């Protein structure tokens, strides 16, 4: 599922972060390099991914943008960049990162 971030008023003058579904996509997901980072309270595993989907017209809600994310099978992939696939303009390659707590 492709999702984009929305802000919902929290009733105290601030906002809560919420994610709204834009639609479902078929995707081929290929893992890239990974690394582990440690913080004061936890350790995170970060893995880069190349996610290939069918192309959508620029400006369409079905076309992913940086700052959006894919969610599927209990995993979340933050999208950092989107470009036409080198193989064919019929596909888009989304560069994304998955973070998990170790």
PDB file of N, CA and C in Angstrom:
ATOM      1  N   UNK A   1       0.846  -1.173   0.000  1.00  0.00           N
ATOM      2  CA  UNK A   1       0.000   0.000   0.000  1.00  0.00           C
ATOM      3  C   UNK A   1       0.897   1.245   0.000  1.00  0.00           C
ATOM      4  N   UNK A   2       0.516   2.203  -0.806  1.00  0.00           N
ATOM      5  CA  UNK A   2       1.200   3.501  -0.812  1.00  0.00           C
ATOM      6  C   UNK A   2       0.462   4.409   0.154  1.00  0.00           C
ATOM      7  N   UNK A   3       1.210   5.073   1.044  1.00  0.00           N
ATOM      8  CA  UNK A   3       0.604   5.942   2.046  1.00  0.00           C
ATOM      9  C   UNK A   3       1.293   7.310   2.041  1.00  0.00           C
ATOM     10  N   UNK A   4       0.523   8.337   2.414  1.00  0.00           N
ATOM     11  CA  UNK A   4       1.126   9.662   2.599  1.00  0.00           C
ATOM     12  C   UNK A   4       0.768  10.174   3.983  1.00  0.00           C
ATOM     13  N   UNK A   5       1.635  11.029   4.509  1.00  0.00           N
ATOM     14  CA  UNK A   5       1.467  11.544   5.864  1.00  0.00           C
ATOM     15  C   UNK A   5       0.441  12.675   5.896  1.00  0.00           C
ATOM     16  N   UNK A   6      -0.412  12.638   6.905  1.00  0.00           N
ATOM     17  CA  UNK A   6      -1.357  13.719   7.154  1.00  0.00           C
ATOM     18  C   UNK A   6      -1.184  14.163   8.601  1.00  0.00           C
ATOM     19  N   UNK A   7      -1.644  15.373   8.900  1.00  0.00           N
ATOM     20  CA  UNK A   7      -1.589  15.872  10.274  1.00  0.00           C
ATOM     21  C   UNK A   7      -3.010  16.050  10.776  1.00  0.00           C
ATOM     22  N   UNK A   8      -3.253  15.532  11.969  1.00  0.00           N
ATOM     23  CA  UNK A   8      -4.566  15.606  12.599  1.00  0.00           C
ATOM     24  C   UNK A   8      -4.420  16.430  13.871  1.00  0.00           C
ATOM     25  N   UNK A   9      -5.267  17.447  14.071  1.00  0.00           N
ATOM     26  CA  UNK A   9      -5.167  18.248  15.302  1.00  0.00           C
ATOM     27  C   UNK A   9      -5.285  17.359  16.542  1.00  0.00           C
ATOM     28  N   UNK A  10      -4.434  17.619  17.555  1.00  0.00           N
ATOM     29  CA  UNK A  10      -4.461  16.807  18.780  1.00  0.00           C
ATOM     30  C   UNK A  10      -5.344  17.412  19.866  1.00  0.00           C
ATOM     31  N   UNK A  11      -5.970  18.562  19.586  1.00  0.00           N
ATOM     32  CA  UNK A  11      -6.852  19.194  20.560  1.00  0.00           C
ATOM     33  C   UNK A  11      -6.126  20.087  21.551  1.00  0.00           C
ATOM     34  N   UNK A  12      -4.800  20.128  21.480  1.00  0.00           N
ATOM     35  CA  UNK A  12      -4.011  20.953  22.397  1.00  0.00           C
ATOM     36  C   UNK A  12      -3.159  21.973  21.644  1.00  0.00           C
ATOM     37  N   UNK A  13      -3.523  22.237  20.401  1.00  0.00           N
ATOM     38  CA  UNK A  13      -2.771  23.200  19.611  1.00  0.00           C
ATOM     39  C   UNK A  13      -1.687  22.580  18.759  1.00  0.00           C
ATOM     40  N   UNK A  14      -1.489  21.298  18.877  1.00  0.00           N
ATOM     41  CA  UNK A  14      -0.473  20.602  18.085  1.00  0.00           C
ATOM     42  C   UNK A  14      -1.122  19.649  17.098  1.00  0.00           C
ATOM     43  N   UNK A  15      -0.322  18.765  16.562  1.00  0.00           N
ATOM     44  CA  UNK A  15      -0.811  17.827  15.577  1.00  0.00           C
ATOM     45  C   UNK A  15      -0.280  16.427  15.864  1.00  0.00           C
ATOM     46  N   UNK A  16      -1.062  15.434  15.461  1.00  0.00           N
ATOM     47  CA  UNK A  16      -0.630  14.040  15.488  1.00  0.00           C
ATOM     48  C   UNK A  16      -0.339  13.613  14.059  1.00  0.00           C
ATOM     49  N   UNK A  17       0.676  12.787  13.901  1.00  0.00           N
ATOM     50  CA  UNK A  17       1.024  12.265  12.588  1.00  0.00           C
ATOM     51  C   UNK A  17       0.154  11.056  12.297  1.00  0.00           C
ATOM     52  N   UNK A  18      -0.442  11.059  11.108  1.00  0.00           N
ATOM     53  CA  UNK A  18      -1.298   9.965  10.693  1.00  0.00           C
ATOM     54  C   UNK A  18      -0.941   9.622   9.248  1.00  0.00           C
ATOM     55  N   UNK A  19      -1.214   8.399   8.832  1.00  0.00           N
ATOM     56  CA  UNK A  19      -0.906   7.977   7.467  1.00  0.00           C
ATOM     57  C   UNK A  19      -2.194   7.567   6.769  1.00  0.00           C
ATOM     58  N   UNK A  20      -2.430   8.113   5.566  1.00  0.00           N
ATOM     59  CA  UNK A  20      -3.613   7.805   4.778  1.00  0.00           C
ATOM     60  C   UNK A  20      -3.213   6.968   3.562  1.00  0.00           C
ATOM     61  N   UNK A  21      -3.995   5.961   3.248  1.00  0.00           N
ATOM     62  CA  UNK A  21      -3.715   5.067   2.117  1.00  0.00           C
ATOM     63  C   UNK A  21      -4.114   5.757   0.818  1.00  0.00           C
ATOM     64  N   UNK A  22      -3.189   5.739  -0.156  1.00  0.00           N
ATOM     65  CA  UNK A  22      -3.462   6.280  -1.484  1.00  0.00           C
ATOM     66  C   UNK A  22      -3.858   5.185  -2.465  1.00  0.00           C
ATOM     67  N   UNK A  23      -3.407   3.948  -2.232  1.00  0.00           N
ATOM     68  CA  UNK A  23      -3.750   2.852  -3.134  1.00  0.00           C
ATOM     69  C   UNK A  23      -2.798   1.689  -2.994  1.00  0.00           C
ATOM     70  N   UNK A  24      -3.142   0.626  -3.687  1.00  0.00           N
ATOM     71  CA  UNK A  24      -2.333  -0.604  -3.657  1.00  0.00           C
ATOM     72  C   UNK A  24      -1.492  -0.694  -4.925  1.00  0.00           C
ATOM     73  N   UNK A  25      -0.297  -1.253  -4.801  1.00  0.00           N
ATOM     74  CA  UNK A  25       0.616  -1.433  -5.931  1.00  0.00           C
ATOM     75  C   UNK A  25       1.190  -2.842  -5.909  1.00  0.00           C
ATOM     76  N   UNK A  26       1.407  -3.392  -7.095  1.00  0.00           N
ATOM     77  CA  UNK A  26       2.261  -4.569  -7.222  1.00  0.00           C
ATOM     78  C   UNK A  26       3.672  -4.032  -7.101  1.00  0.00           C
ATOM     79  N   UNK A  27       4.549  -4.761  -6.420  1.00  0.00           N
ATOM     80  CA  UNK A  27       5.919  -4.273  -6.262  1.00  0.00           C
ATOM     81  C   UNK A  27       6.913  -5.423  -6.250  1.00  0.00           C
ATOM     82  N   UNK A  28       8.059  -5.157  -6.864  1.00  0.00           N
ATOM     83  CA  UNK A  28       9.215  -6.047  -6.745  1.00  0.00           C
ATOM     84  C   UNK A  28      10.178  -5.335  -5.805  1.00  0.00           C
ATOM     85  N   UNK A  29      10.569  -6.003  -4.724  1.00  0.00           N
ATOM     86  CA  UNK A  29      11.415  -5.387  -3.702  1.00  0.00           C
ATOM     87  C   UNK A  29      12.761  -6.089  -3.670  1.00  0.00           C
ATOM     88  N   UNK A  30      13.819  -5.311  -3.849  1.00  0.00           N
ATOM     89  CA  UNK A  30      15.181  -5.851  -3.789  1.00  0.00           C
ATOM     90  C   UNK A  30      15.957  -5.145  -2.691  1.00  0.00           C
ATOM     91  N   UNK A  31      16.458  -5.925  -1.759  1.00  0.00           N
ATOM     92  CA  UNK A  31      17.234  -5.365  -0.647  1.00  0.00           C
ATOM     93  C   UNK A  31      18.617  -4.956  -1.121  1.00  0.00           C
ATOM     94  N   UNK A  32      19.121  -3.883  -0.521  1.00  0.00           N
ATOM     95  CA  UNK A  32      20.469  -3.411  -0.811  1.00  0.00           C
ATOM     96  C   UNK A  32      21.331  -3.554   0.429  1.00  0.00           C
ATOM     97  N   UNK A  33      22.127  -2.548   0.683  1.00  0.00           N
ATOM     98  CA  UNK A  33      23.031  -2.590   1.827  1.00  0.00           C
ATOM     99  C   UNK A  33      22.275  -2.271   3.115  1.00  0.00           C
ATOM    100  N   UNK A  34      22.856  -2.674   4.207  1.00  0.00           N
ATOM    101  CA  UNK A  34      22.248  -2.420   5.509  1.00  0.00           C
ATOM    102  C   UNK A  34      23.291  -1.994   6.512  1.00  0.00           C
ATOM    103  N   UNK A  35      22.805  -1.409   7.590  1.00  0.00           N
ATOM    104  CA  UNK A  35      23.711  -1.020   8.678  1.00  0.00           C
ATOM    105  C   UNK A  35      22.926  -0.994   9.979  1.00  0.00           C
ATOM    106  N   UNK A  36      23.656  -0.996  11.046  1.00  0.00           N
ATOM    107  CA  UNK A  36      23.057  -0.967  12.369  1.00  0.00           C
ATOM    108  C   UNK A  36      23.503   0.310  13.065  1.00  0.00           C
ATOM    109  N   UNK A  37      22.566   1.004  13.702  1.00  0.00           N
ATOM    110  CA  UNK A  37      22.902   2.213  14.447  1.00  0.00           C
ATOM    111  C   UNK A  37      22.389   2.069  15.864  1.00  0.00           C
ATOM    112  N   UNK A  38      23.162   2.569  16.802  1.00  0.00           N
ATOM    113  CA  UNK A  38      22.775   2.498  18.209  1.00  0.00           C
ATOM    114  C   UNK A  38      22.415   3.872  18.728  1.00  0.00           C
ATOM    115  N   UNK A  39      21.348   3.915  19.494  1.00  0.00           N
ATOM    116  CA  UNK A  39      20.934   5.149  20.141  1.00  0.00           C
ATOM    117  C   UNK A  39      20.966   4.948  21.636  1.00  0.00           C
ATOM    118  N   UNK A  40      20.533   5.948  22.406  1.00  0.00           N
ATOM    119  CA  UNK A  40      20.568   5.837  23.864  1.00  0.00           C
ATOM    120  C   UNK A  40      19.623   4.767  24.407  1.00  0.00           C
ATOM    121  N   UNK A  41      18.524   4.484  23.681  1.00  0.00           N
ATOM    122  CA  UNK A  41      17.539   3.546  24.221  1.00  0.00           C
ATOM    123  C   UNK A  41      17.365   2.287  23.385  1.00  0.00           C
ATOM    124  N   UNK A  42      17.850   2.284  22.140  1.00  0.00           N
ATOM    125  CA  UNK A  42      17.593   1.138  21.267  1.00  0.00           C
ATOM    126  C   UNK A  42      18.630   1.048  20.156  1.00  0.00           C
ATOM    127  N   UNK A  43      18.614  -0.055  19.465  1.00  0.00           N
ATOM    128  CA  UNK A  43      19.456  -0.265  18.301  1.00  0.00           C
ATOM    129  C   UNK A  43      18.548  -0.450  17.096  1.00  0.00           C
ATOM    130  N   UNK A  44      18.864   0.245  15.995  1.00  0.00           N
ATOM    131  CA  UNK A  44      18.070   0.156  14.776  1.00  0.00           C
ATOM    132  C   UNK A  44      18.859  -0.511  13.674  1.00  0.00           C
ATOM    133  N   UNK A  45      18.166  -1.326  12.899  1.00  0.00           N
ATOM    134  CA  UNK A  45      18.724  -1.907  11.686  1.00  0.00           C
ATOM    135  C   UNK A  45      18.105  -1.155  10.513  1.00  0.00           C
ATOM    136  N   UNK A  46      18.935  -0.602   9.622  1.00  0.00           N
ATOM    137  CA  UNK A  46      18.456   0.133   8.452  1.00  0.00           C
ATOM    138  C   UNK A  46      18.926  -0.589   7.202  1.00  0.00           C
ATOM    139  N   UNK A  47      17.979  -0.893   6.320  1.00  0.00           N
ATOM    140  CA  UNK A  47      18.290  -1.578   5.066  1.00  0.00           C
ATOM    141  C   UNK A  47      17.716  -0.750   3.925  1.00  0.00           C
ATOM    142  N   UNK A  48      18.542  -0.493   2.897  1.00  0.00           N
ATOM    143  CA  UNK A  48      18.051   0.208   1.715  1.00  0.00           C
ATOM    144  C   UNK A  48      17.385  -0.805   0.786  1.00  0.00           C
ATOM    145  N   UNK A  49      16.419  -0.322   0.013  1.00  0.00           N
ATOM    146  CA  UNK A  49      15.696  -1.183  -0.925  1.00  0.00           C
ATOM    147  C   UNK A  49      15.464  -0.429  -2.223  1.00  0.00           C
ATOM    148  N   UNK A  50      15.411  -1.174  -3.325  1.00  0.00           N
ATOM    149  CA  UNK A  50      14.928  -0.658  -4.598  1.00  0.00           C
ATOM    150  C   UNK A  50      13.590  -1.344  -4.828  1.00  0.00           C
ATOM    151  N   UNK A  51      12.543  -0.538  -4.908  1.00  0.00           N
ATOM    152  CA  UNK A  51      11.190  -1.054  -5.064  1.00  0.00           C
ATOM    153  C   UNK A  51      10.692  -0.635  -6.443  1.00  0.00           C
ATOM    154  N   UNK A  52      10.364  -1.614  -7.277  1.00  0.00           N
ATOM    155  CA  UNK A  52       9.900  -1.351  -8.629  1.00  0.00           C
ATOM    156  C   UNK A  52       8.389  -1.554  -8.703  1.00  0.00           C
ATOM    157  N   UNK A  53       7.705  -0.538  -9.254  1.00  0.00           N
ATOM    158  CA  UNK A  53       6.250  -0.607  -9.429  1.00  0.00           C
ATOM    159  C   UNK A  53       5.912  -0.163 -10.851  1.00  0.00           C
ATOM    160  N   UNK A  54       4.664  -0.407 -11.274  1.00  0.00           N
ATOM    161  CA  UNK A  54       4.203   0.095 -12.569  1.00  0.00           C
ATOM    162  C   UNK A  54       4.161   1.621 -12.521  1.00  0.00           C
ATOM    163  N   UNK A  55       4.524   2.251 -13.623  1.00  0.00           N
ATOM    164  CA  UNK A  55       4.564   3.707 -13.685  1.00  0.00           C
ATOM    165  C   UNK A  55       3.161   4.305 -13.612  1.00  0.00           C
ATOM    166  N   UNK A  56       3.088   5.501 -13.080  1.00  0.00           N
ATOM    167  CA  UNK A  56       1.859   6.303 -13.050  1.00  0.00           C
ATOM    168  C   UNK A  56       2.228   7.699 -13.530  1.00  0.00           C
ATOM    169  N   UNK A  57       1.272   8.387 -14.114  1.00  0.00           N
ATOM    170  CA  UNK A  57       1.527   9.720 -14.642  1.00  0.00           C
ATOM    171  C   UNK A  57       1.953  10.686 -13.537  1.00  0.00           C
ATOM    172  N   UNK A  58       2.835  11.611 -13.885  1.00  0.00           N
ATOM    173  CA  UNK A  58       3.242  12.646 -12.938  1.00  0.00           C
ATOM    174  C   UNK A  58       2.005  13.420 -12.493  1.00  0.00           C
ATOM    175  N   UNK A  59       1.898  13.661 -11.192  1.00  0.00           N
ATOM    176  CA  UNK A  59       0.755  14.370 -10.641  1.00  0.00           C
ATOM    177  C   UNK A  59      -0.368  13.457 -10.176  1.00  0.00           C
ATOM    178  N   UNK A  60      -0.311  12.195 -10.552  1.00  0.00           N
ATOM    179  CA  UNK A  60      -1.329  11.228 -10.132  1.00  0.00           C
ATOM    180  C   UNK A  60      -1.096  10.825  -8.677  1.00  0.00           C
ATOM    181  N   UNK A  61      -2.174  10.589  -7.920  1.00  0.00           N
ATOM    182  CA  UNK A  61      -2.043  10.098  -6.545  1.00  0.00           C
ATOM    183  C   UNK A  61      -1.380   8.727  -6.502  1.00  0.00           C
ATOM    184  N   UNK A  62      -1.424   7.987  -7.607  1.00  0.00           N
ATOM    185  CA  UNK A  62      -0.834   6.651  -7.657  1.00  0.00           C
ATOM    186  C   UNK A  62       0.684   6.695  -7.837  1.00  0.00           C
ATOM    187  N   UNK A  63       1.228   7.873  -8.152  1.00  0.00           N
ATOM    188  CA  UNK A  63       2.684   7.987  -8.349  1.00  0.00           C
ATOM    189  C   UNK A  63       3.336   8.341  -7.024  1.00  0.00           C
ATOM    190  N   UNK A  64       4.227   7.483  -6.526  1.00  0.00           N
ATOM    191  CA  UNK A  64       4.893   7.740  -5.245  1.00  0.00           C
ATOM    192  C   UNK A  64       5.770   8.991  -5.303  1.00  0.00           C
ATOM    193  N   UNK A  65       5.930   9.610  -4.142  1.00  0.00           N
ATOM    194  CA  UNK A  65       6.789  10.779  -3.980  1.00  0.00           C
ATOM    195  C   UNK A  65       7.704  10.564  -2.787  1.00  0.00           C
ATOM    196  N   UNK A  66       8.843  11.244  -2.790  1.00  0.00           N
ATOM    197  CA  UNK A  66       9.715  11.224  -1.618  1.00  0.00           C
ATOM    198  C   UNK A  66       8.921  11.750  -0.429  1.00  0.00           C
ATOM    199  N   UNK A  67       9.084  11.117   0.723  1.00  0.00           N
ATOM    200  CA  UNK A  67       8.354  11.504   1.922  1.00  0.00           C
ATOM    201  C   UNK A  67       7.133  10.628   2.171  1.00  0.00           C
ATOM    202  N   UNK A  68       6.724   9.881   1.160  1.00  0.00           N
ATOM    203  CA  UNK A  68       5.633   8.921   1.349  1.00  0.00           C
ATOM    204  C   UNK A  68       6.243   7.594   1.769  1.00  0.00           C
ATOM    205  N   UNK A  69       5.407   6.558   1.902  1.00  0.00           N
ATOM    206  CA  UNK A  69       5.937   5.260   2.287  1.00  0.00           C
ATOM    207  C   UNK A  69       5.079   4.140   1.711  1.00  0.00           C
ATOM    208  N   UNK A  70       5.694   2.965   1.612  1.00  0.00           N
ATOM    209  CA  UNK A  70       4.981   1.739   1.286  1.00  0.00           C
ATOM    210  C   UNK A  70       4.822   0.950   2.572  1.00  0.00           C
ATOM    211  N   UNK A  71       3.675   0.280   2.721  1.00  0.00           N
ATOM    212  CA  UNK A  71       3.433  -0.597   3.860  1.00  0.00           C
ATOM    213  C   UNK A  71       2.902  -1.911   3.304  1.00  0.00           C
ATOM    214  N   UNK A  72       3.474  -3.011   3.779  1.00  0.00           N
ATOM    215  CA  UNK A  72       2.979  -4.308   3.351  1.00  0.00           C
ATOM    216  C   UNK A  72       3.570  -5.432   4.159  1.00  0.00           C
ATOM    217  N   UNK A  73       2.744  -6.412   4.480  1.00  0.00           N
ATOM    218  CA  UNK A  73       3.175  -7.607   5.201  1.00  0.00           C
ATOM    219  C   UNK A  73       3.914  -7.266   6.492  1.00  0.00           C
ATOM    220  N   UNK A  74       3.414  -6.243   7.197  1.00  0.00           N
ATOM    221  CA  UNK A  74       3.997  -5.863   8.478  1.00  0.00           C
ATOM    222  C   UNK A  74       5.293  -5.074   8.382  1.00  0.00           C
ATOM    223  N   UNK A  75       5.638  -4.620   7.190  1.00  0.00           N
ATOM    224  CA  UNK A  75       6.879  -3.874   6.994  1.00  0.00           C
ATOM    225  C   UNK A  75       6.566  -2.486   6.442  1.00  0.00           C
ATOM    226  N   UNK A  76       7.442  -1.522   6.753  1.00  0.00           N
ATOM    227  CA  UNK A  76       7.265  -0.145   6.292  1.00  0.00           C
ATOM    228  C   UNK A  76       8.549   0.297   5.596  1.00  0.00           C
ATOM    229  N   UNK A  77       8.376   0.887   4.400  1.00  0.00           N
ATOM    230  CA  UNK A  77       9.505   1.350   3.595  1.00  0.00           C
ATOM    231  C   UNK A  77       9.338   2.843   3.339  1.00  0.00           C
ATOM    232  N   UNK A  78      10.206   3.665   3.916  1.00  0.00           N
ATOM    233  CA  UNK A  78      10.173   5.118   3.719  1.00  0.00           C
ATOM    234  C   UNK A  78      10.798   5.445   2.361  1.00  0.00           C
ATOM    235  N   UNK A  79      10.064   6.165   1.519  1.00  0.00           N
ATOM    236  CA  UNK A  79      10.530   6.489   0.165  1.00  0.00           C
ATOM    237  C   UNK A  79      11.384   7.755   0.205  1.00  0.00           C
ATOM    238  N   UNK A  80      12.582   7.664  -0.395  1.00  0.00           N
ATOM    239  CA  UNK A  80      13.512   8.799  -0.435  1.00  0.00           C
ATOM    240  C   UNK A  80      13.619   9.429  -1.820  1.00  0.00           C
ATOM    241  N   UNK A  81      13.450   8.621  -2.879  1.00  0.00           N
ATOM    242  CA  UNK A  81      13.558   9.130  -4.252  1.00  0.00           C
ATOM    243  C   UNK A  81      12.804   8.194  -5.191  1.00  0.00           C
ATOM    244  N   UNK A  82      12.304   8.775  -6.297  1.00  0.00           N
ATOM    245  CA  UNK A  82      11.560   8.013  -7.298  1.00  0.00           C
ATOM    246  C   UNK A  82      12.068   8.423  -8.673  1.00  0.00           C
ATOM    247  N   UNK A  83      12.309   7.428  -9.546  1.00  0.00           N
ATOM    248  CA  UNK A  83      12.772   7.707 -10.902  1.00  0.00           C
ATOM    249  C   UNK A  83      12.223   6.652 -11.857  1.00  0.00           C
ATOM    250  N   UNK A  84      12.154   7.017 -13.151  1.00  0.00           N
ATOM    251  CA  UNK A  84      11.761   6.035 -14.141  1.00  0.00           C
ATOM    252  C   UNK A  84      12.812   4.926 -14.148  1.00  0.00           C
ATOM    253  N   UNK A  85      12.362   3.703 -14.333  1.00  0.00           N
ATOM    254  CA  UNK A  85      13.261   2.553 -14.349  1.00  0.00           C
ATOM    255  C   UNK A  85      14.199   2.637 -15.543  1.00  0.00           C
ATOM    256  N   UNK A  86      15.414   2.172 -15.361  1.00  0.00           N
ATOM    257  CA  UNK A  86      16.388   2.158 -16.444  1.00  0.00           C
ATOM    258  C   UNK A  86      15.969   1.161 -17.531  1.00  0.00           C
ATOM    259  N   UNK A  87      15.198   0.148 -17.153  1.00  0.00           N
ATOM    260  CA  UNK A  87      14.777  -0.891 -18.097  1.00  0.00           C
ATOM    261  C   UNK A  87      13.670  -0.398 -19.019  1.00  0.00           C
ATOM    262  N   UNK A  88      12.695   0.313 -18.472  1.00  0.00           N
ATOM    263  CA  UNK A  88      11.533   0.720 -19.250  1.00  0.00           C
ATOM    264  C   UNK A  88      10.819   1.866 -18.546  1.00  0.00           C
ATOM    265  N   UNK A  89      10.289   2.788 -19.334  1.00  0.00           N
ATOM    266  CA  UNK A  89       9.537   3.908 -18.751  1.00  0.00           C
ATOM    267  C   UNK A  89       8.181   3.450 -18.217  1.00  0.00           C
ATOM    268  N   UNK A  90       7.855   2.179 -18.402  1.00  0.00           N
ATOM    269  CA  UNK A  90       6.594   1.646 -17.879  1.00  0.00           C
ATOM    270  C   UNK A  90       6.681   1.343 -16.391  1.00  0.00           C
ATOM    271  N   UNK A  91       7.875   1.470 -15.817  1.00  0.00           N
ATOM    272  CA  UNK A  91       8.067   1.163 -14.405  1.00  0.00           C
ATOM    273  C   UNK A  91       8.780   2.312 -13.708  1.00  0.00           C
ATOM    274  N   UNK A  92       8.560   2.406 -12.403  1.00  0.00           N
ATOM    275  CA  UNK A  92       9.249   3.370 -11.550  1.00  0.00           C
ATOM    276  C   UNK A  92      10.111   2.617 -10.555  1.00  0.00           C
ATOM    277  N   UNK A  93      11.278   3.153 -10.264  1.00  0.00           N
ATOM    278  CA  UNK A  93      12.135   2.613  -9.222  1.00  0.00           C
ATOM    279  C   UNK A  93      12.096   3.571  -8.042  1.00  0.00           C
ATOM    280  N   UNK A  94      11.677   3.054  -6.900  1.00  0.00           N
ATOM    281  CA  UNK A  94      11.594   3.844  -5.677  1.00  0.00           C
ATOM    282  C   UNK A  94      12.747   3.435  -4.770  1.00  0.00           C
ATOM    283  N   UNK A  95      13.536   4.391  -4.345  1.00  0.00           N
ATOM    284  CA  UNK A  95      14.639   4.131  -3.419  1.00  0.00           C
ATOM    285  C   UNK A  95      14.094   4.372  -2.017  1.00  0.00           C
ATOM    286  N   UNK A  96      14.155   3.353  -1.180  1.00  0.00           N
ATOM    287  CA  UNK A  96      13.514   3.415   0.128  1.00  0.00           C
ATOM    288  C   UNK A  96      14.396   2.780   1.195  1.00  0.00           C
ATOM    289  N   UNK A  97      14.054   3.061   2.467  1.00  0.00           N
ATOM    290  CA  UNK A  97      14.754   2.504   3.613  1.00  0.00           C
ATOM    291  C   UNK A  97      13.737   1.861   4.554  1.00  0.00           C
ATOM    292  N   UNK A  98      14.102   0.693   5.053  1.00  0.00           N
ATOM    293  CA  UNK A  98      13.287   0.027   6.066  1.00  0.00           C
ATOM    294  C   UNK A  98      14.069   0.053   7.378  1.00  0.00           C
ATOM    295  N   UNK A  99      13.412   0.482   8.452  1.00  0.00           N
ATOM    296  CA  UNK A  99      14.032   0.488   9.774  1.00  0.00           C
ATOM    297  C   UNK A  99      13.307  -0.499  10.672  1.00  0.00           C
ATOM    298  N   UNK A 100      14.083  -1.266  11.402  1.00  0.00           N
ATOM    299  CA  UNK A 100      13.498  -2.189  12.386  1.00  0.00           C
ATOM    300  C   UNK A 100      14.312  -2.095  13.668  1.00  0.00           C
ATOM    301  N   UNK A 101      13.643  -2.274  14.802  1.00  0.00           N
ATOM    302  CA  UNK A 101      14.311  -2.276  16.094  1.00  0.00           C
ATOM    303  C   UNK A 101      14.937  -3.645  16.301  1.00  0.00           C
ATOM    304  N   UNK A 102      16.203  -3.641  16.681  1.00  0.00           N
ATOM    305  CA  UNK A 102      16.936  -4.896  16.884  1.00  0.00           C
ATOM    306  C   UNK A 102      16.845  -5.305  18.326  1.00  0.00           C
TER     307      UNK A 102
END
